[in-house]
Amino acid sequence: MEMQESLWNGYKRLDFAFEGQEAILILPDVPTEDKRWLFKTEYFGAFPGFEVEMLGKGYYVAHVKNTTRWGAPEVTQRQARFAEFLHTEFGLHKKFVTVGMSCGGMQAIYLAAEIPERIALCYVDAPVMNLLSCPFYLGLRDREPPKNFKETNYKVMEEFIKHRGMTLIDLLSYRNHPIDCVPKLIEAGIPVFLVCGDSDGVVFYEENGAQLYKMYTEANAPIQLILKPGCDHHPHGLEDNTPLIEAVEKSYQQ
């Protein structure tokens, strides 16, 4: 397998092909004994503070490029095969932590439902949980829309329709939104670390992250929420990653 080596934030980066898609593996200087790792599902390189901190703690960071950010079944299935590939070819831990922001959070939920036995913890930040809410915005209308909202919203809807092959009419009877997969995560006992902005004007918290939190708490399932007051969709991540790091390390001890 042909690989290209470079540096990413001071750490060794391997670039290679996996099933015809670009794949990335970042290596820690001193790996944990059991080779723990993070799977950045989408937007590799965006808001990387947490990943860089975890590299310093011996965790690997991996990503495989997607044909669409909108969580198509073939994307989830390729991600599952990629996780198995990293386990068998590089000896990475059988279990991993998802790092999913926005559409990447949607992908993380789908992936956790696909292979729940492989997930140590599901970290999602402003995740898309309801496709009727995002990208079609059928819910909340009581906020001042972001600048160029109509133009941007139209482009995003067109992107979704093109890549998922479903229109709004199809979605009205669709029963595989990310939120529909949550019972599988609860049944498997997968802990969730949820970060959201309470003023998100792209992926409304009330219709997305809040619904995930509600389902988990009603089931008395393990979830930790950090709700950022006054925060819009960006920036993702936390100023202090300590509680997230503690949750990740605890998940590997269970």
C-alpha atoms as a PDB file:
ATOM      1  CA  MET A   1       0.000   0.000   0.000  1.00  0.00           C
ATOM      2  CA  GLU A   2       1.475   3.316  -1.098  1.00  0.00           C
ATOM      3  CA  MET A   3       1.673   5.981   1.587  1.00  0.00           C
ATOM      4  CA  GLN A   4       2.801   9.575   1.680  1.00  0.00           C
ATOM      5  CA  GLU A   5       4.331  10.937   4.860  1.00  0.00           C
ATOM      6  CA  SER A   6       4.110  14.511   6.106  1.00  0.00           C
ATOM      7  CA  LEU A   7       3.523  16.434   9.325  1.00  0.00           C
ATOM      8  CA  TRP A   8       0.197  17.575  10.774  1.00  0.00           C
ATOM      9  CA  ASN A   9       0.366  19.894  13.791  1.00  0.00           C
ATOM     10  CA  GLY A  10       3.802  18.458  14.519  1.00  0.00           C
ATOM     11  CA  TYR A  11       2.737  14.816  14.285  1.00  0.00           C
ATOM     12  CA  LYS A  12       3.506  12.220  11.609  1.00  0.00           C
ATOM     13  CA  ARG A  13       0.749  12.039   9.001  1.00  0.00           C
ATOM     14  CA  LEU A  14       0.140   9.136   6.622  1.00  0.00           C
ATOM     15  CA  ASP A  15      -1.955   9.676   3.477  1.00  0.00           C
ATOM     16  CA  PHE A  16      -3.127   6.659   1.490  1.00  0.00           C
ATOM     17  CA  ALA A  17      -6.070   5.339  -0.495  1.00  0.00           C
ATOM     18  CA  PHE A  18      -8.870   3.260   0.989  1.00  0.00           C
ATOM     19  CA  GLU A  19     -11.459   1.886  -1.425  1.00  0.00           C
ATOM     20  CA  GLY A  20     -10.605   4.680  -3.830  1.00  0.00           C
ATOM     21  CA  GLN A  21     -11.053   7.412  -1.217  1.00  0.00           C
ATOM     22  CA  GLU A  22      -8.411   9.586   0.408  1.00  0.00           C
ATOM     23  CA  ALA A  23      -7.563   8.362   3.898  1.00  0.00           C
ATOM     24  CA  ILE A  24      -5.519   9.932   6.685  1.00  0.00           C
ATOM     25  CA  LEU A  25      -3.911   8.531   9.821  1.00  0.00           C
ATOM     26  CA  ILE A  26      -2.105  10.786  12.295  1.00  0.00           C
ATOM     27  CA  LEU A  27       0.358   9.001  14.570  1.00  0.00           C
ATOM     28  CA  PRO A  28       1.092  10.048  18.167  1.00  0.00           C
ATOM     29  CA  ASP A  29       4.723  10.265  19.233  1.00  0.00           C
ATOM     30  CA  VAL A  30       4.147   7.736  22.018  1.00  0.00           C
ATOM     31  CA  PRO A  31       0.988   5.643  21.460  1.00  0.00           C
ATOM     32  CA  THR A  32      -1.062   4.286  24.320  1.00  0.00           C
ATOM     33  CA  GLU A  33      -0.238   0.645  24.991  1.00  0.00           C
ATOM     34  CA  ASP A  34      -3.560  -0.469  23.507  1.00  0.00           C
ATOM     35  CA  LYS A  35      -3.426   1.985  20.573  1.00  0.00           C
ATOM     36  CA  ARG A  36      -6.559   4.018  21.239  1.00  0.00           C
ATOM     37  CA  TRP A  37      -7.849   6.283  18.503  1.00  0.00           C
ATOM     38  CA  LEU A  38     -10.301   8.928  17.329  1.00  0.00           C
ATOM     39  CA  PHE A  39     -12.351   8.787  14.120  1.00  0.00           C
ATOM     40  CA  LYS A  40     -12.968  12.293  12.724  1.00  0.00           C
ATOM     41  CA  THR A  41     -15.985  11.565  10.563  1.00  0.00           C
ATOM     42  CA  GLU A  42     -16.121  14.793   8.520  1.00  0.00           C
ATOM     43  CA  TYR A  43     -14.358  18.157   8.061  1.00  0.00           C
ATOM     44  CA  PHE A  44     -10.896  16.827   8.822  1.00  0.00           C
ATOM     45  CA  GLY A  45      -8.664  19.615  10.090  1.00  0.00           C
ATOM     46  CA  ALA A  46     -11.538  21.850  11.219  1.00  0.00           C
ATOM     47  CA  PHE A  47     -11.477  22.916  14.882  1.00  0.00           C
ATOM     48  CA  PRO A  48      -8.693  20.397  15.656  1.00  0.00           C
ATOM     49  CA  GLY A  49      -7.853  21.440  19.219  1.00  0.00           C
ATOM     50  CA  PHE A  50      -9.268  18.310  20.842  1.00  0.00           C
ATOM     51  CA  GLU A  51      -7.592  15.961  18.362  1.00  0.00           C
ATOM     52  CA  VAL A  52      -4.207  17.636  18.883  1.00  0.00           C
ATOM     53  CA  GLU A  53      -4.544  17.307  22.658  1.00  0.00           C
ATOM     54  CA  MET A  54      -5.406  13.623  22.336  1.00  0.00           C
ATOM     55  CA  LEU A  55      -2.416  13.013  20.053  1.00  0.00           C
ATOM     56  CA  GLY A  56      -0.322  14.325  22.923  1.00  0.00           C
ATOM     57  CA  LYS A  57      -1.939  11.688  25.141  1.00  0.00           C
ATOM     58  CA  GLY A  58      -1.043   8.878  22.735  1.00  0.00           C
ATOM     59  CA  TYR A  59      -4.231   8.608  20.677  1.00  0.00           C
ATOM     60  CA  TYR A  60      -4.217   8.137  16.906  1.00  0.00           C
ATOM     61  CA  VAL A  61      -6.511  10.282  14.725  1.00  0.00           C
ATOM     62  CA  ALA A  62      -8.049   8.874  11.527  1.00  0.00           C
ATOM     63  CA  HIS A  63     -10.301  10.024   8.692  1.00  0.00           C
ATOM     64  CA  VAL A  64     -11.529   8.714   5.352  1.00  0.00           C
ATOM     65  CA  LYS A  65     -12.952  11.156   2.820  1.00  0.00           C
ATOM     66  CA  ASN A  66     -16.680  10.850   2.129  1.00  0.00           C
ATOM     67  CA  THR A  67     -18.568  11.032  -1.144  1.00  0.00           C
ATOM     68  CA  THR A  68     -21.173  13.142   0.666  1.00  0.00           C
ATOM     69  CA  ARG A  69     -21.378  14.769   4.070  1.00  0.00           C
ATOM     70  CA  TRP A  70     -25.079  13.864   4.374  1.00  0.00           C
ATOM     71  CA  GLY A  71     -24.755  10.411   5.899  1.00  0.00           C
ATOM     72  CA  ALA A  72     -25.624   8.156   2.961  1.00  0.00           C
ATOM     73  CA  PRO A  73     -25.662   4.426   3.816  1.00  0.00           C
ATOM     74  CA  GLU A  74     -22.642   3.760   1.605  1.00  0.00           C
ATOM     75  CA  VAL A  75     -20.685   6.358   3.591  1.00  0.00           C
ATOM     76  CA  THR A  76     -21.533   4.668   6.893  1.00  0.00           C
ATOM     77  CA  GLN A  77     -20.647   1.244   5.527  1.00  0.00           C
ATOM     78  CA  ARG A  78     -17.290   2.456   4.181  1.00  0.00           C
ATOM     79  CA  GLN A  79     -16.499   4.086   7.518  1.00  0.00           C
ATOM     80  CA  ALA A  80     -17.257   0.789   9.277  1.00  0.00           C
ATOM     81  CA  ARG A  81     -14.921  -1.074   6.922  1.00  0.00           C
ATOM     82  CA  PHE A  82     -12.262   1.590   7.424  1.00  0.00           C
ATOM     83  CA  ALA A  83     -12.439   1.091  11.196  1.00  0.00           C
ATOM     84  CA  GLU A  84     -11.931  -2.635  10.705  1.00  0.00           C
ATOM     85  CA  PHE A  85      -9.047  -1.955   8.316  1.00  0.00           C
ATOM     86  CA  LEU A  86      -7.274   0.231  10.880  1.00  0.00           C
ATOM     87  CA  HIS A  87      -7.751  -2.468  13.508  1.00  0.00           C
ATOM     88  CA  THR A  88      -6.389  -5.311  11.370  1.00  0.00           C
ATOM     89  CA  GLU A  89      -3.702  -3.473   9.366  1.00  0.00           C
ATOM     90  CA  PHE A  90      -2.369  -0.997  11.951  1.00  0.00           C
ATOM     91  CA  GLY A  91      -3.320  -2.793  15.148  1.00  0.00           C
ATOM     92  CA  LEU A  92      -5.451   0.071  16.430  1.00  0.00           C
ATOM     93  CA  HIS A  93      -7.827  -0.641  19.290  1.00  0.00           C
ATOM     94  CA  LYS A  94     -11.015  -2.438  18.316  1.00  0.00           C
ATOM     95  CA  LYS A  95     -13.015   0.373  19.909  1.00  0.00           C
ATOM     96  CA  PHE A  96     -12.733   4.026  18.963  1.00  0.00           C
ATOM     97  CA  VAL A  97     -14.166   7.460  19.750  1.00  0.00           C
ATOM     98  CA  THR A  98     -16.146   9.291  17.091  1.00  0.00           C
ATOM     99  CA  VAL A  99     -15.447  12.997  16.648  1.00  0.00           C
ATOM    100  CA  GLY A 100     -18.402  14.370  14.720  1.00  0.00           C
ATOM    101  CA  MET A 101     -19.240  18.031  14.181  1.00  0.00           C
ATOM    102  CA  SER A 102     -22.444  19.181  12.439  1.00  0.00           C
ATOM    103  CA  CYS A 103     -22.978  16.746   9.533  1.00  0.00           C
ATOM    104  CA  GLY A 104     -20.081  14.802  10.989  1.00  0.00           C
ATOM    105  CA  GLY A 105     -22.189  14.359  14.125  1.00  0.00           C
ATOM    106  CA  MET A 106     -24.932  12.846  11.999  1.00  0.00           C
ATOM    107  CA  GLN A 107     -22.370  10.486  10.478  1.00  0.00           C
ATOM    108  CA  ALA A 108     -21.126   9.557  13.957  1.00  0.00           C
ATOM    109  CA  ILE A 109     -24.633   8.591  15.070  1.00  0.00           C
ATOM    110  CA  TYR A 110     -25.211   6.498  11.944  1.00  0.00           C
ATOM    111  CA  LEU A 111     -21.835   4.800  12.390  1.00  0.00           C
ATOM    112  CA  ALA A 112     -22.442   4.075  16.068  1.00  0.00           C
ATOM    113  CA  ALA A 113     -25.776   2.468  15.165  1.00  0.00           C
ATOM    114  CA  GLU A 114     -24.066   0.425  12.426  1.00  0.00           C
ATOM    115  CA  ILE A 115     -21.278  -1.002  14.617  1.00  0.00           C
ATOM    116  CA  PRO A 116     -22.221  -0.254  18.239  1.00  0.00           C
ATOM    117  CA  GLU A 117     -19.809  -2.869  19.562  1.00  0.00           C
ATOM    118  CA  ARG A 118     -16.886  -0.821  18.203  1.00  0.00           C
ATOM    119  CA  ILE A 119     -17.753   2.540  19.796  1.00  0.00           C
ATOM    120  CA  ALA A 120     -16.076   3.551  23.058  1.00  0.00           C
ATOM    121  CA  LEU A 121     -17.733   6.977  23.137  1.00  0.00           C
ATOM    122  CA  CYS A 122     -19.678   9.107  20.693  1.00  0.00           C
ATOM    123  CA  TYR A 123     -18.552  12.743  20.808  1.00  0.00           C
ATOM    124  CA  VAL A 124     -20.890  14.918  18.752  1.00  0.00           C
ATOM    125  CA  ASP A 125     -20.841  18.701  18.433  1.00  0.00           C
ATOM    126  CA  ALA A 126     -23.943  20.496  17.086  1.00  0.00           C
ATOM    127  CA  PRO A 127     -25.027  17.265  15.385  1.00  0.00           C
ATOM    128  CA  VAL A 128     -27.667  17.111  12.664  1.00  0.00           C
ATOM    129  CA  MET A 129     -30.260  14.752  14.167  1.00  0.00           C
ATOM    130  CA  ASN A 130     -33.390  15.600  12.164  1.00  0.00           C
ATOM    131  CA  LEU A 131     -33.155  16.073   8.405  1.00  0.00           C
ATOM    132  CA  LEU A 132     -36.474  17.913   8.347  1.00  0.00           C
ATOM    133  CA  SER A 133     -34.852  20.501  10.604  1.00  0.00           C
ATOM    134  CA  CYS A 134     -31.558  20.623   8.700  1.00  0.00           C
ATOM    135  CA  PRO A 135     -31.247  21.004   5.758  1.00  0.00           C
ATOM    136  CA  PHE A 136     -34.977  21.667   5.162  1.00  0.00           C
ATOM    137  CA  TYR A 137     -35.694  23.969   8.137  1.00  0.00           C
ATOM    138  CA  LEU A 138     -39.320  23.021   8.703  1.00  0.00           C
ATOM    139  CA  GLY A 139     -39.237  23.760  12.424  1.00  0.00           C
ATOM    140  CA  LEU A 140     -38.250  26.867  14.345  1.00  0.00           C
ATOM    141  CA  ARG A 141     -38.942  30.187  12.690  1.00  0.00           C
ATOM    142  CA  ASP A 142     -38.660  32.501  15.667  1.00  0.00           C
ATOM    143  CA  ARG A 143     -35.070  33.567  15.118  1.00  0.00           C
ATOM    144  CA  GLU A 144     -33.505  36.196  12.904  1.00  0.00           C
ATOM    145  CA  PRO A 145     -32.143  34.166   9.996  1.00  0.00           C
ATOM    146  CA  PRO A 146     -28.398  34.254   9.324  1.00  0.00           C
ATOM    147  CA  LYS A 147     -27.067  36.509   6.580  1.00  0.00           C
ATOM    148  CA  ASN A 148     -27.842  35.158   3.098  1.00  0.00           C
ATOM    149  CA  PHE A 149     -29.964  32.458   4.756  1.00  0.00           C
ATOM    150  CA  LYS A 150     -32.335  31.875   1.824  1.00  0.00           C
ATOM    151  CA  GLU A 151     -29.564  31.601  -0.737  1.00  0.00           C
ATOM    152  CA  THR A 152     -27.414  29.365   1.463  1.00  0.00           C
ATOM    153  CA  ASN A 153     -30.362  27.226   2.547  1.00  0.00           C
ATOM    154  CA  TYR A 154     -31.401  26.614  -1.055  1.00  0.00           C
ATOM    155  CA  LYS A 155     -27.886  25.504  -1.992  1.00  0.00           C
ATOM    156  CA  VAL A 156     -27.693  23.131   0.970  1.00  0.00           C
ATOM    157  CA  MET A 157     -31.089  21.590   0.159  1.00  0.00           C
ATOM    158  CA  GLU A 158     -30.024  21.108  -3.454  1.00  0.00           C
ATOM    159  CA  GLU A 159     -26.822  19.450  -2.258  1.00  0.00           C
ATOM    160  CA  PHE A 160     -28.773  17.069  -0.029  1.00  0.00           C
ATOM    161  CA  ILE A 161     -31.257  16.130  -2.770  1.00  0.00           C
ATOM    162  CA  LYS A 162     -28.420  15.496  -5.222  1.00  0.00           C
ATOM    163  CA  HIS A 163     -26.374  13.312  -2.906  1.00  0.00           C
ATOM    164  CA  ARG A 164     -29.101  11.471  -1.008  1.00  0.00           C
ATOM    165  CA  GLY A 165     -31.623  11.154  -3.833  1.00  0.00           C
ATOM    166  CA  MET A 166     -34.470  12.183  -1.529  1.00  0.00           C
ATOM    167  CA  THR A 167     -36.725  15.213  -1.697  1.00  0.00           C
ATOM    168  CA  LEU A 168     -38.660  16.872   1.111  1.00  0.00           C
ATOM    169  CA  ILE A 169     -41.683  14.756   0.183  1.00  0.00           C
ATOM    170  CA  ASP A 170     -39.604  11.613   0.635  1.00  0.00           C
ATOM    171  CA  LEU A 171     -38.349  12.789   4.008  1.00  0.00           C
ATOM    172  CA  LEU A 172     -41.851  13.277   5.384  1.00  0.00           C
ATOM    173  CA  SER A 173     -42.222   9.505   5.604  1.00  0.00           C
ATOM    174  CA  TYR A 174     -38.527   8.678   6.119  1.00  0.00           C
ATOM    175  CA  ARG A 175     -37.758   6.689   9.248  1.00  0.00           C
ATOM    176  CA  ASN A 176     -33.979   6.669   9.342  1.00  0.00           C
ATOM    177  CA  HIS A 177     -33.108  10.151  10.510  1.00  0.00           C
ATOM    178  CA  PRO A 178     -30.155  10.145  12.911  1.00  0.00           C
ATOM    179  CA  ILE A 179     -32.580  10.573  15.807  1.00  0.00           C
ATOM    180  CA  ASP A 180     -34.286   7.323  14.764  1.00  0.00           C
ATOM    181  CA  CYS A 181     -30.988   5.490  15.352  1.00  0.00           C
ATOM    182  CA  VAL A 182     -30.558   6.672  18.927  1.00  0.00           C
ATOM    183  CA  PRO A 183     -32.400   3.695  20.512  1.00  0.00           C
ATOM    184  CA  LYS A 184     -29.653   1.416  19.111  1.00  0.00           C
ATOM    185  CA  LEU A 185     -27.008   3.499  20.859  1.00  0.00           C
ATOM    186  CA  ILE A 186     -28.970   3.460  24.104  1.00  0.00           C
ATOM    187  CA  GLU A 187     -29.476  -0.292  23.908  1.00  0.00           C
ATOM    188  CA  ALA A 188     -25.739  -0.784  23.389  1.00  0.00           C
ATOM    189  CA  GLY A 189     -24.913   1.490  26.333  1.00  0.00           C
ATOM    190  CA  ILE A 190     -22.776   3.829  24.219  1.00  0.00           C
ATOM    191  CA  PRO A 191     -21.864   6.957  26.208  1.00  0.00           C
ATOM    192  CA  VAL A 192     -22.413  10.275  24.429  1.00  0.00           C
ATOM    193  CA  PHE A 193     -20.607  13.548  24.966  1.00  0.00           C
ATOM    194  CA  LEU A 194     -22.746  16.305  23.454  1.00  0.00           C
ATOM    195  CA  VAL A 195     -21.642  19.891  22.799  1.00  0.00           C
ATOM    196  CA  CYS A 196     -24.057  22.472  21.392  1.00  0.00           C
ATOM    197  CA  GLY A 197     -24.581  26.196  21.146  1.00  0.00           C
ATOM    198  CA  ASP A 198     -27.937  27.325  22.501  1.00  0.00           C
ATOM    199  CA  SER A 199     -28.196  29.975  19.757  1.00  0.00           C
ATOM    200  CA  ASP A 200     -27.324  27.769  16.796  1.00  0.00           C
ATOM    201  CA  GLY A 201     -28.966  29.258  13.699  1.00  0.00           C
ATOM    202  CA  VAL A 202     -27.956  26.424  11.354  1.00  0.00           C
ATOM    203  CA  VAL A 203     -28.639  23.222  13.282  1.00  0.00           C
ATOM    204  CA  PHE A 204     -31.234  24.349  15.803  1.00  0.00           C
ATOM    205  CA  TYR A 205     -30.417  22.907  19.221  1.00  0.00           C
ATOM    206  CA  GLU A 206     -34.076  22.454  20.202  1.00  0.00           C
ATOM    207  CA  GLU A 207     -34.765  20.221  17.200  1.00  0.00           C
ATOM    208  CA  ASN A 208     -31.497  18.325  17.123  1.00  0.00           C
ATOM    209  CA  GLY A 209     -29.095  18.070  20.051  1.00  0.00           C
ATOM    210  CA  ALA A 210     -31.850  18.632  22.604  1.00  0.00           C
ATOM    211  CA  GLN A 211     -33.791  15.679  21.214  1.00  0.00           C
ATOM    212  CA  LEU A 212     -30.752  13.422  21.532  1.00  0.00           C
ATOM    213  CA  TYR A 213     -30.251  14.604  25.104  1.00  0.00           C
ATOM    214  CA  LYS A 214     -33.931  14.068  25.929  1.00  0.00           C
ATOM    215  CA  MET A 215     -33.966  10.493  24.623  1.00  0.00           C
ATOM    216  CA  TYR A 216     -30.813   9.590  26.532  1.00  0.00           C
ATOM    217  CA  THR A 217     -31.882  11.147  29.825  1.00  0.00           C
ATOM    218  CA  GLU A 218     -35.357   9.595  29.655  1.00  0.00           C
ATOM    219  CA  ALA A 219     -33.699   6.204  29.201  1.00  0.00           C
ATOM    220  CA  ASN A 220     -31.246   6.944  32.029  1.00  0.00           C
ATOM    221  CA  ALA A 221     -28.461   6.341  29.511  1.00  0.00           C
ATOM    222  CA  PRO A 222     -24.964   7.864  29.838  1.00  0.00           C
ATOM    223  CA  ILE A 223     -24.793  11.330  28.291  1.00  0.00           C
ATOM    224  CA  GLN A 224     -22.947  14.503  29.204  1.00  0.00           C
ATOM    225  CA  LEU A 225     -24.086  17.832  27.779  1.00  0.00           C
ATOM    226  CA  ILE A 226     -22.160  21.070  27.519  1.00  0.00           C
ATOM    227  CA  LEU A 227     -24.478  23.782  26.235  1.00  0.00           C
ATOM    228  CA  LYS A 228     -22.601  26.933  25.233  1.00  0.00           C
ATOM    229  CA  PRO A 229     -24.645  30.064  26.030  1.00  0.00           C
ATOM    230  CA  GLY A 230     -24.978  32.526  23.164  1.00  0.00           C
ATOM    231  CA  CYS A 231     -23.004  30.307  20.789  1.00  0.00           C
ATOM    232  CA  ASP A 232     -24.053  29.928  17.149  1.00  0.00           C
ATOM    233  CA  HIS A 233     -23.185  26.908  14.988  1.00  0.00           C
ATOM    234  CA  HIS A 234     -19.545  27.999  14.994  1.00  0.00           C
ATOM    235  CA  PRO A 235     -17.148  27.779  16.642  1.00  0.00           C
ATOM    236  CA  HIS A 236     -17.237  24.058  17.338  1.00  0.00           C
ATOM    237  CA  GLY A 237     -15.294  22.580  20.220  1.00  0.00           C
ATOM    238  CA  LEU A 238     -14.538  23.656  23.761  1.00  0.00           C
ATOM    239  CA  GLU A 239     -12.169  26.233  25.208  1.00  0.00           C
ATOM    240  CA  ASP A 240     -11.262  23.684  27.885  1.00  0.00           C
ATOM    241  CA  ASN A 241     -11.277  20.067  26.705  1.00  0.00           C
ATOM    242  CA  THR A 242     -10.734  18.626  30.194  1.00  0.00           C
ATOM    243  CA  PRO A 243     -14.267  17.195  30.681  1.00  0.00           C
ATOM    244  CA  LEU A 244     -14.233  15.677  27.191  1.00  0.00           C
ATOM    245  CA  ILE A 245     -10.788  14.147  27.698  1.00  0.00           C
ATOM    246  CA  GLU A 246     -11.904  12.697  31.035  1.00  0.00           C
ATOM    247  CA  ALA A 247     -15.009  11.215  29.391  1.00  0.00           C
ATOM    248  CA  VAL A 248     -12.930   9.618  26.625  1.00  0.00           C
ATOM    249  CA  GLU A 249     -10.430   8.065  29.010  1.00  0.00           C
ATOM    250  CA  LYS A 250     -13.254   6.803  31.243  1.00  0.00           C
ATOM    251  CA  SER A 251     -14.966   5.196  28.257  1.00  0.00           C
ATOM    252  CA  TYR A 252     -11.932   3.015  27.588  1.00  0.00           C
ATOM    253  CA  GLN A 253     -11.933   1.814  31.185  1.00  0.00           C
ATOM    254  CA  GLN A 254     -15.484   0.471  31.043  1.00  0.00           C
END
